[in-house]
Amino acid sequence: MSKEAMQTRNETELGPLEVKVDGAVERAIGRLKRAMAREGILKEVKNRRYYEKPSVKAKRKQRDAERRRRRSLRTRPE
């Protein structure tokens, strides 16, 4: 999925995730796990396991944004 498509998707509107099974079920499970990781489903489930206060949620989002910003600066060609 492209970066633009990821940005336009709403976190609460995740649709069904389909994976084709071409013979080997183990490979299909691996593709499913990779697709779920790419979509952020596992992270979302982990975050929603317990209630998160709005102040804690805002701090986490700021921390994650800072981490993404630093990573982009580190990998950006100069």
N, C-alpha and C. Protein backbone atom coordinates (compact mmCIF):
# COMPACT_ATOMS: atom_id res chain seq x y z
N MET A 1 0.84 -1.16 0.00
CA MET A 1 0.00 0.00 0.00
C MET A 1 0.90 1.23 0.00
N SER A 2 0.54 2.21 -0.79
CA SER A 2 1.37 3.40 -0.92
C SER A 2 1.27 4.28 0.32
N LYS A 3 2.24 5.17 0.46
CA LYS A 3 2.28 6.05 1.62
C LYS A 3 1.07 6.99 1.65
N GLU A 4 0.64 7.46 0.46
CA GLU A 4 -0.52 8.35 0.40
C GLU A 4 -1.78 7.61 0.84
N ALA A 5 -1.91 6.37 0.43
CA ALA A 5 -3.10 5.61 0.80
C ALA A 5 -3.14 5.35 2.30
N MET A 6 -1.97 5.12 2.89
CA MET A 6 -1.91 4.91 4.34
C MET A 6 -2.33 6.17 5.08
N GLN A 7 -1.96 7.34 4.55
CA GLN A 7 -2.29 8.59 5.21
C GLN A 7 -3.77 8.91 5.09
N THR A 8 -4.42 8.49 4.02
CA THR A 8 -5.82 8.82 3.83
C THR A 8 -6.75 7.85 4.54
N ARG A 9 -6.26 6.68 4.92
CA ARG A 9 -7.11 5.72 5.62
C ARG A 9 -7.35 6.16 7.04
N ASN A 10 -8.59 6.09 7.46
CA ASN A 10 -8.94 6.41 8.83
C ASN A 10 -8.66 5.18 9.69
N GLU A 11 -8.12 5.37 10.89
CA GLU A 11 -7.77 4.25 11.75
C GLU A 11 -8.98 3.41 12.13
N THR A 12 -10.15 4.02 12.23
CA THR A 12 -11.33 3.28 12.66
C THR A 12 -12.03 2.58 11.49
N GLU A 13 -11.63 2.85 10.26
CA GLU A 13 -12.32 2.29 9.11
C GLU A 13 -11.45 1.27 8.37
N LEU A 14 -10.89 0.34 9.09
CA LEU A 14 -10.10 -0.70 8.44
C LEU A 14 -11.04 -1.74 7.86
N GLY A 15 -10.89 -1.99 6.58
CA GLY A 15 -11.74 -2.96 5.91
C GLY A 15 -11.20 -4.36 6.06
N PRO A 16 -11.83 -5.31 5.43
CA PRO A 16 -11.35 -6.70 5.51
C PRO A 16 -9.99 -6.84 4.84
N LEU A 17 -9.19 -7.73 5.38
CA LEU A 17 -7.85 -7.99 4.87
C LEU A 17 -7.87 -9.37 4.24
N GLU A 18 -7.65 -9.43 2.93
CA GLU A 18 -7.73 -10.70 2.21
C GLU A 18 -6.35 -11.14 1.77
N VAL A 19 -6.11 -12.45 1.89
CA VAL A 19 -4.85 -13.06 1.45
C VAL A 19 -5.20 -14.29 0.65
N LYS A 20 -4.59 -14.43 -0.53
CA LYS A 20 -4.85 -15.60 -1.36
C LYS A 20 -4.05 -16.79 -0.85
N VAL A 21 -4.70 -17.95 -0.84
CA VAL A 21 -4.02 -19.18 -0.45
C VAL A 21 -3.70 -19.94 -1.73
N ASP A 22 -2.42 -19.96 -2.10
CA ASP A 22 -1.98 -20.64 -3.31
C ASP A 22 -1.24 -21.92 -2.94
N GLY A 23 -1.96 -22.88 -2.40
CA GLY A 23 -1.34 -24.16 -2.07
C GLY A 23 -0.82 -24.22 -0.65
N ALA A 24 0.26 -23.53 -0.35
CA ALA A 24 0.90 -23.63 0.95
C ALA A 24 0.21 -22.70 1.95
N VAL A 25 -0.39 -23.30 2.96
CA VAL A 25 -1.10 -22.53 3.97
C VAL A 25 -0.11 -21.73 4.82
N GLU A 26 1.08 -22.29 5.07
CA GLU A 26 2.08 -21.60 5.88
C GLU A 26 2.50 -20.28 5.23
N ARG A 27 2.66 -20.30 3.92
CA ARG A 27 3.01 -19.06 3.21
C ARG A 27 1.89 -18.04 3.29
N ALA A 28 0.66 -18.51 3.19
CA ALA A 28 -0.49 -17.60 3.28
C ALA A 28 -0.57 -16.97 4.67
N ILE A 29 -0.27 -17.76 5.70
CA ILE A 29 -0.26 -17.22 7.06
C ILE A 29 0.83 -16.17 7.18
N GLY A 30 1.99 -16.43 6.60
CA GLY A 30 3.08 -15.45 6.62
C GLY A 30 2.70 -14.17 5.90
N ARG A 31 2.04 -14.31 4.73
CA ARG A 31 1.58 -13.12 4.00
C ARG A 31 0.56 -12.33 4.82
N LEU A 32 -0.33 -13.07 5.51
CA LEU A 32 -1.34 -12.42 6.34
C LEU A 32 -0.67 -11.64 7.48
N LYS A 33 0.32 -12.25 8.13
CA LYS A 33 1.01 -11.58 9.23
C LYS A 33 1.73 -10.33 8.74
N ARG A 34 2.38 -10.41 7.57
CA ARG A 34 3.07 -9.24 7.02
C ARG A 34 2.07 -8.14 6.67
N ALA A 35 0.94 -8.53 6.09
CA ALA A 35 -0.08 -7.55 5.72
C ALA A 35 -0.65 -6.89 6.98
N MET A 36 -0.87 -7.66 8.03
CA MET A 36 -1.39 -7.10 9.27
C MET A 36 -0.38 -6.14 9.89
N ALA A 37 0.90 -6.49 9.83
CA ALA A 37 1.93 -5.59 10.37
C ALA A 37 2.00 -4.31 9.54
N ARG A 38 1.90 -4.44 8.23
CA ARG A 38 1.95 -3.28 7.34
C ARG A 38 0.77 -2.34 7.59
N GLU A 39 -0.40 -2.91 7.82
CA GLU A 39 -1.61 -2.11 8.07
C GLU A 39 -1.64 -1.53 9.48
N GLY A 40 -0.82 -2.07 10.37
CA GLY A 40 -0.81 -1.58 11.75
C GLY A 40 -1.89 -2.19 12.62
N ILE A 41 -2.43 -3.31 12.20
CA ILE A 41 -3.52 -3.94 12.94
C ILE A 41 -3.04 -4.46 14.28
N LEU A 42 -1.88 -5.12 14.30
CA LEU A 42 -1.37 -5.68 15.55
C LEU A 42 -1.06 -4.58 16.56
N LYS A 43 -0.51 -3.48 16.09
CA LYS A 43 -0.20 -2.36 16.97
C LYS A 43 -1.49 -1.77 17.53
N GLU A 44 -2.51 -1.67 16.69
CA GLU A 44 -3.80 -1.12 17.11
C GLU A 44 -4.44 -2.01 18.17
N VAL A 45 -4.38 -3.32 17.98
CA VAL A 45 -4.95 -4.26 18.95
C VAL A 45 -4.21 -4.13 20.28
N LYS A 46 -2.89 -4.03 20.20
CA LYS A 46 -2.09 -3.88 21.42
C LYS A 46 -2.45 -2.59 22.15
N ASN A 47 -2.62 -1.50 21.41
CA ASN A 47 -2.96 -0.22 22.03
C ASN A 47 -4.36 -0.22 22.63
N ARG A 48 -5.27 -0.94 22.05
CA ARG A 48 -6.66 -0.94 22.54
C ARG A 48 -6.92 -2.03 23.58
N ARG A 49 -5.90 -2.76 23.96
CA ARG A 49 -6.08 -3.82 24.94
C ARG A 49 -6.56 -3.24 26.27
N TYR A 50 -6.05 -2.07 26.63
CA TYR A 50 -6.45 -1.39 27.86
C TYR A 50 -6.82 0.05 27.52
N TYR A 51 -7.63 0.64 28.40
CA TYR A 51 -8.02 2.04 28.18
C TYR A 51 -6.81 2.93 28.35
N GLU A 52 -6.70 3.90 27.47
CA GLU A 52 -5.60 4.85 27.53
C GLU A 52 -6.19 6.25 27.72
N LYS A 53 -5.78 6.91 28.80
CA LYS A 53 -6.29 8.25 29.08
C LYS A 53 -5.91 9.18 27.94
N PRO A 54 -6.74 10.17 27.66
CA PRO A 54 -6.44 11.09 26.55
C PRO A 54 -5.09 11.78 26.69
N SER A 55 -4.70 12.14 27.92
CA SER A 55 -3.40 12.81 28.09
C SER A 55 -2.25 11.86 27.77
N VAL A 56 -2.39 10.61 28.17
CA VAL A 56 -1.35 9.61 27.89
C VAL A 56 -1.31 9.32 26.39
N LYS A 57 -2.48 9.27 25.77
CA LYS A 57 -2.55 9.02 24.33
C LYS A 57 -1.87 10.14 23.54
N ALA A 58 -2.11 11.39 23.96
CA ALA A 58 -1.49 12.53 23.29
C ALA A 58 0.02 12.50 23.43
N LYS A 59 0.51 12.17 24.63
CA LYS A 59 1.95 12.08 24.85
C LYS A 59 2.57 10.97 24.00
N ARG A 60 1.87 9.84 23.90
CA ARG A 60 2.38 8.73 23.09
C ARG A 60 2.45 9.13 21.62
N LYS A 61 1.41 9.81 21.15
CA LYS A 61 1.40 10.25 19.75
C LYS A 61 2.52 11.24 19.48
N GLN A 62 2.77 12.16 20.40
CA GLN A 62 3.87 13.11 20.23
C GLN A 62 5.21 12.37 20.20
N ARG A 63 5.39 11.42 21.09
CA ARG A 63 6.63 10.64 21.16
C ARG A 63 6.83 9.86 19.86
N ASP A 64 5.75 9.24 19.36
CA ASP A 64 5.86 8.48 18.11
C ASP A 64 6.17 9.40 16.93
N ALA A 65 5.55 10.58 16.90
CA ALA A 65 5.81 11.53 15.81
C ALA A 65 7.27 11.99 15.84
N GLU A 66 7.79 12.23 17.03
CA GLU A 66 9.19 12.64 17.16
C GLU A 66 10.12 11.52 16.69
N ARG A 67 9.78 10.31 17.03
CA ARG A 67 10.58 9.15 16.60
C ARG A 67 10.57 9.02 15.08
N ARG A 68 9.39 9.20 14.47
CA ARG A 68 9.30 9.14 13.00
C ARG A 68 10.09 10.27 12.36
N ARG A 69 10.02 11.47 12.96
CA ARG A 69 10.76 12.62 12.43
C ARG A 69 12.26 12.37 12.47
N ARG A 70 12.76 11.86 13.60
CA ARG A 70 14.19 11.57 13.72
C ARG A 70 14.63 10.50 12.73
N ARG A 71 13.78 9.49 12.56
CA ARG A 71 14.11 8.41 11.62
C ARG A 71 14.17 8.95 10.20
N SER A 72 13.24 9.84 9.84
CA SER A 72 13.25 10.39 8.49
C SER A 72 14.47 11.27 8.27
N LEU A 73 14.90 12.00 9.29
CA LEU A 73 16.10 12.82 9.17
C LEU A 73 17.35 11.95 9.00
N ARG A 74 17.36 10.83 9.67
CA ARG A 74 18.50 9.92 9.64
C ARG A 74 18.61 9.23 8.27
N THR A 75 17.49 8.91 7.67
CA THR A 75 17.51 8.17 6.40
C THR A 75 17.42 9.06 5.18
N ARG A 76 17.21 10.37 5.38
CA ARG A 76 17.07 11.29 4.26
C ARG A 76 18.43 11.51 3.59
N PRO A 77 18.47 11.40 2.26
CA PRO A 77 19.73 11.69 1.56
C PRO A 77 20.00 13.20 1.60
N GLU A 78 21.26 13.54 1.77
CA GLU A 78 21.62 14.96 1.89
C GLU A 78 22.11 15.55 0.61
